[in-house]
Amino acid sequence: MLTSLKSWFISQPSNDYLADYAKSGDNRHLTKLVTLFGNDLYHYLVTQSNEQLAFDISQQTWLKVMEKRHYYQPQDNPKAWLFRLARNALIDEFRKQQRFVELADDTAIAAPNTQQSFDY
């Protein structure tokens, strides 16, 4: 009984498409990931920024998934790992867009940003 139960679990298809993608690099698994998590990822980013930046960071996140797939561990939660990549990309973008002016006494102040504003 135990042997047949064990073989049943082993023969079941994996629902962790990120683990499958990390292992194989097969774009079919990446397509499944985008289908499963793409909208949630975008909506999360919209709540943290604006629509255009959310779209850009979403795209950057999927590129990061392709670049960093070998860092994913199957015991990790795929959605949490994906959202962590997105959050870090958004933070990096906010840091890039912030302008600082150095003063002589090593004091930094933010320079006015005339490019765009963000809804927080």
C-alpha atoms as a PDB file:
ATOM      1  CA  MET A   1       0.000   0.000   0.000  1.00  0.00           C
ATOM      2  CA  LEU A   2       2.728   2.485   0.954  1.00  0.00           C
ATOM      3  CA  THR A   3       4.700   1.694  -2.188  1.00  0.00           C
ATOM      4  CA  SER A   4       1.705   2.300  -4.441  1.00  0.00           C
ATOM      5  CA  LEU A   5       0.905   5.567  -2.644  1.00  0.00           C
ATOM      6  CA  LYS A   6       4.514   6.708  -3.020  1.00  0.00           C
ATOM      7  CA  SER A   7       4.503   5.923  -6.751  1.00  0.00           C
ATOM      8  CA  TRP A   8       1.201   7.810  -7.134  1.00  0.00           C
ATOM      9  CA  PHE A   9       2.785  10.975  -5.645  1.00  0.00           C
ATOM     10  CA  ILE A  10       5.898  10.613  -7.777  1.00  0.00           C
ATOM     11  CA  SER A  11       3.892  10.155 -10.978  1.00  0.00           C
ATOM     12  CA  GLN A  12       1.719  13.223 -10.366  1.00  0.00           C
ATOM     13  CA  PRO A  13       2.566  16.228 -12.535  1.00  0.00           C
ATOM     14  CA  SER A  14       4.292  19.050 -10.733  1.00  0.00           C
ATOM     15  CA  ASN A  15       2.290  22.200 -10.057  1.00  0.00           C
ATOM     16  CA  ASP A  16       5.438  24.150  -9.287  1.00  0.00           C
ATOM     17  CA  TYR A  17       6.020  25.527 -12.751  1.00  0.00           C
ATOM     18  CA  LEU A  18       8.804  27.716 -11.409  1.00  0.00           C
ATOM     19  CA  ALA A  19      10.714  24.650 -10.201  1.00  0.00           C
ATOM     20  CA  ASP A  20      10.089  22.997 -13.560  1.00  0.00           C
ATOM     21  CA  TYR A  21      11.275  26.111 -15.383  1.00  0.00           C
ATOM     22  CA  ALA A  22      14.316  26.447 -13.125  1.00  0.00           C
ATOM     23  CA  LYS A  23      15.251  22.861 -13.848  1.00  0.00           C
ATOM     24  CA  SER A  24      14.584  22.724 -17.587  1.00  0.00           C
ATOM     25  CA  GLY A  25      14.519  26.287 -18.926  1.00  0.00           C
ATOM     26  CA  ASP A  26      11.524  25.222 -21.021  1.00  0.00           C
ATOM     27  CA  ASN A  27       9.502  28.292 -21.990  1.00  0.00           C
ATOM     28  CA  ARG A  28       6.222  26.360 -21.690  1.00  0.00           C
ATOM     29  CA  HIS A  29       6.691  26.476 -17.918  1.00  0.00           C
ATOM     30  CA  LEU A  30       7.448  30.202 -18.061  1.00  0.00           C
ATOM     31  CA  THR A  31       4.263  30.751 -20.052  1.00  0.00           C
ATOM     32  CA  LYS A  32       2.301  28.921 -17.341  1.00  0.00           C
ATOM     33  CA  LEU A  33       3.922  31.135 -14.694  1.00  0.00           C
ATOM     34  CA  VAL A  34       2.946  34.302 -16.542  1.00  0.00           C
ATOM     35  CA  THR A  35      -0.606  32.982 -16.896  1.00  0.00           C
ATOM     36  CA  LEU A  36      -0.836  32.070 -13.213  1.00  0.00           C
ATOM     37  CA  PHE A  37       0.873  35.067 -11.624  1.00  0.00           C
ATOM     38  CA  GLY A  38       1.097  37.851 -14.228  1.00  0.00           C
ATOM     39  CA  ASN A  39      -2.072  39.720 -13.240  1.00  0.00           C
ATOM     40  CA  ASP A  40      -1.402  39.408  -9.508  1.00  0.00           C
ATOM     41  CA  LEU A  41       2.134  40.660 -10.011  1.00  0.00           C
ATOM     42  CA  TYR A  42       0.987  43.678 -12.006  1.00  0.00           C
ATOM     43  CA  HIS A  43      -1.753  44.566  -9.505  1.00  0.00           C
ATOM     44  CA  TYR A  44       0.687  44.320  -6.621  1.00  0.00           C
ATOM     45  CA  LEU A  45       3.083  46.678  -8.405  1.00  0.00           C
ATOM     46  CA  VAL A  46       0.288  49.149  -9.250  1.00  0.00           C
ATOM     47  CA  THR A  47      -0.500  49.423  -5.543  1.00  0.00           C
ATOM     48  CA  GLN A  48       3.131  50.342  -4.914  1.00  0.00           C
ATOM     49  CA  SER A  49       3.706  52.729  -7.857  1.00  0.00           C
ATOM     50  CA  ASN A  50       1.812  53.866 -10.953  1.00  0.00           C
ATOM     51  CA  GLU A  51       0.473  51.998 -14.000  1.00  0.00           C
ATOM     52  CA  GLN A  52       3.403  52.663 -16.327  1.00  0.00           C
ATOM     53  CA  LEU A  53       6.052  51.826 -13.750  1.00  0.00           C
ATOM     54  CA  ALA A  54       4.101  48.708 -12.716  1.00  0.00           C
ATOM     55  CA  PHE A  55       4.065  47.538 -16.331  1.00  0.00           C
ATOM     56  CA  ASP A  56       7.803  48.198 -16.746  1.00  0.00           C
ATOM     57  CA  ILE A  57       8.723  46.468 -13.494  1.00  0.00           C
ATOM     58  CA  SER A  58       6.494  43.512 -14.378  1.00  0.00           C
ATOM     59  CA  GLN A  59       8.446  43.067 -17.588  1.00  0.00           C
ATOM     60  CA  GLN A  60      11.753  43.450 -15.761  1.00  0.00           C
ATOM     61  CA  THR A  61      10.628  40.862 -13.227  1.00  0.00           C
ATOM     62  CA  TRP A  62       9.951  38.260 -15.896  1.00  0.00           C
ATOM     63  CA  LEU A  63      13.390  38.956 -17.353  1.00  0.00           C
ATOM     64  CA  LYS A  64      14.867  38.468 -13.864  1.00  0.00           C
ATOM     65  CA  VAL A  65      13.039  35.148 -13.587  1.00  0.00           C
ATOM     66  CA  MET A  66      14.777  34.049 -16.783  1.00  0.00           C
ATOM     67  CA  GLU A  67      18.173  35.287 -15.597  1.00  0.00           C
ATOM     68  CA  LYS A  68      17.944  34.007 -12.030  1.00  0.00           C
ATOM     69  CA  ARG A  69      15.927  30.814 -12.404  1.00  0.00           C
ATOM     70  CA  HIS A  70      18.834  28.753 -11.091  1.00  0.00           C
ATOM     71  CA  TYR A  71      18.502  30.525  -7.690  1.00  0.00           C
ATOM     72  CA  TYR A  72      14.972  29.242  -7.142  1.00  0.00           C
ATOM     73  CA  GLN A  73      14.720  26.370  -4.662  1.00  0.00           C
ATOM     74  CA  PRO A  74      11.753  23.982  -5.025  1.00  0.00           C
ATOM     75  CA  GLN A  75      10.941  24.274  -1.314  1.00  0.00           C
ATOM     76  CA  ASP A  76      10.359  28.038  -1.782  1.00  0.00           C
ATOM     77  CA  ASN A  77       6.912  29.425  -2.478  1.00  0.00           C
ATOM     78  CA  PRO A  78       6.973  30.329  -6.198  1.00  0.00           C
ATOM     79  CA  LYS A  79       4.655  33.327  -5.845  1.00  0.00           C
ATOM     80  CA  ALA A  80       6.612  34.704  -2.885  1.00  0.00           C
ATOM     81  CA  TRP A  81       9.900  34.294  -4.788  1.00  0.00           C
ATOM     82  CA  LEU A  82       8.450  36.064  -7.823  1.00  0.00           C
ATOM     83  CA  PHE A  83       7.029  38.921  -5.765  1.00  0.00           C
ATOM     84  CA  ARG A  84      10.350  39.332  -3.957  1.00  0.00           C
ATOM     85  CA  LEU A  85      12.076  39.776  -7.328  1.00  0.00           C
ATOM     86  CA  ALA A  86       9.450  42.360  -8.298  1.00  0.00           C
ATOM     87  CA  ARG A  87       9.714  44.222  -5.000  1.00  0.00           C
ATOM     88  CA  ASN A  88      13.505  44.389  -5.259  1.00  0.00           C
ATOM     89  CA  ALA A  89      13.288  45.607  -8.871  1.00  0.00           C
ATOM     90  CA  LEU A  90      10.824  48.320  -7.813  1.00  0.00           C
ATOM     91  CA  ILE A  91      13.062  49.439  -4.959  1.00  0.00           C
ATOM     92  CA  ASP A  92      16.046  49.572  -7.342  1.00  0.00           C
ATOM     93  CA  GLU A  93      14.006  51.707  -9.755  1.00  0.00           C
ATOM     94  CA  PHE A  94      12.960  54.115  -7.002  1.00  0.00           C
ATOM     95  CA  ARG A  95      16.602  54.452  -5.993  1.00  0.00           C
ATOM     96  CA  LYS A  96      17.652  55.166  -9.590  1.00  0.00           C
ATOM     97  CA  GLN A  97      15.019  57.850  -9.996  1.00  0.00           C
ATOM     98  CA  GLN A  98      15.920  59.684  -6.827  1.00  0.00           C
ATOM     99  CA  ARG A  99      18.444  62.470  -7.333  1.00  0.00           C
ATOM    100  CA  PHE A 100      20.770  63.617  -4.575  1.00  0.00           C
ATOM    101  CA  VAL A 101      22.923  66.696  -4.333  1.00  0.00           C
ATOM    102  CA  GLU A 102      26.058  66.494  -2.185  1.00  0.00           C
ATOM    103  CA  LEU A 103      26.826  69.520  -0.073  1.00  0.00           C
ATOM    104  CA  ALA A 104      30.298  70.513   1.076  1.00  0.00           C
ATOM    105  CA  ASP A 105      29.702  69.350   4.654  1.00  0.00           C
ATOM    106  CA  ASP A 106      28.742  65.794   3.519  1.00  0.00           C
ATOM    107  CA  THR A 107      25.026  66.472   3.899  1.00  0.00           C
ATOM    108  CA  ALA A 108      22.761  65.130   1.180  1.00  0.00           C
ATOM    109  CA  ILE A 109      19.458  66.647   0.146  1.00  0.00           C
ATOM    110  CA  ALA A 110      17.066  65.386  -2.471  1.00  0.00           C
ATOM    111  CA  ALA A 111      17.007  67.427  -5.642  1.00  0.00           C
ATOM    112  CA  PRO A 112      13.584  68.228  -7.113  1.00  0.00           C
ATOM    113  CA  ASN A 113      12.362  65.491  -9.403  1.00  0.00           C
ATOM    114  CA  THR A 114      10.684  67.006 -12.448  1.00  0.00           C
ATOM    115  CA  GLN A 115      10.251  63.803 -14.447  1.00  0.00           C
ATOM    116  CA  GLN A 116       7.271  62.115 -12.783  1.00  0.00           C
ATOM    117  CA  SER A 117       5.469  61.645  -9.544  1.00  0.00           C
ATOM    118  CA  PHE A 118       4.381  58.387  -7.959  1.00  0.00           C
ATOM    119  CA  ASP A 119       1.212  57.508  -6.107  1.00  0.00           C
ATOM    120  CA  TYR A 120       2.076  55.714  -2.896  1.00  0.00           C
END
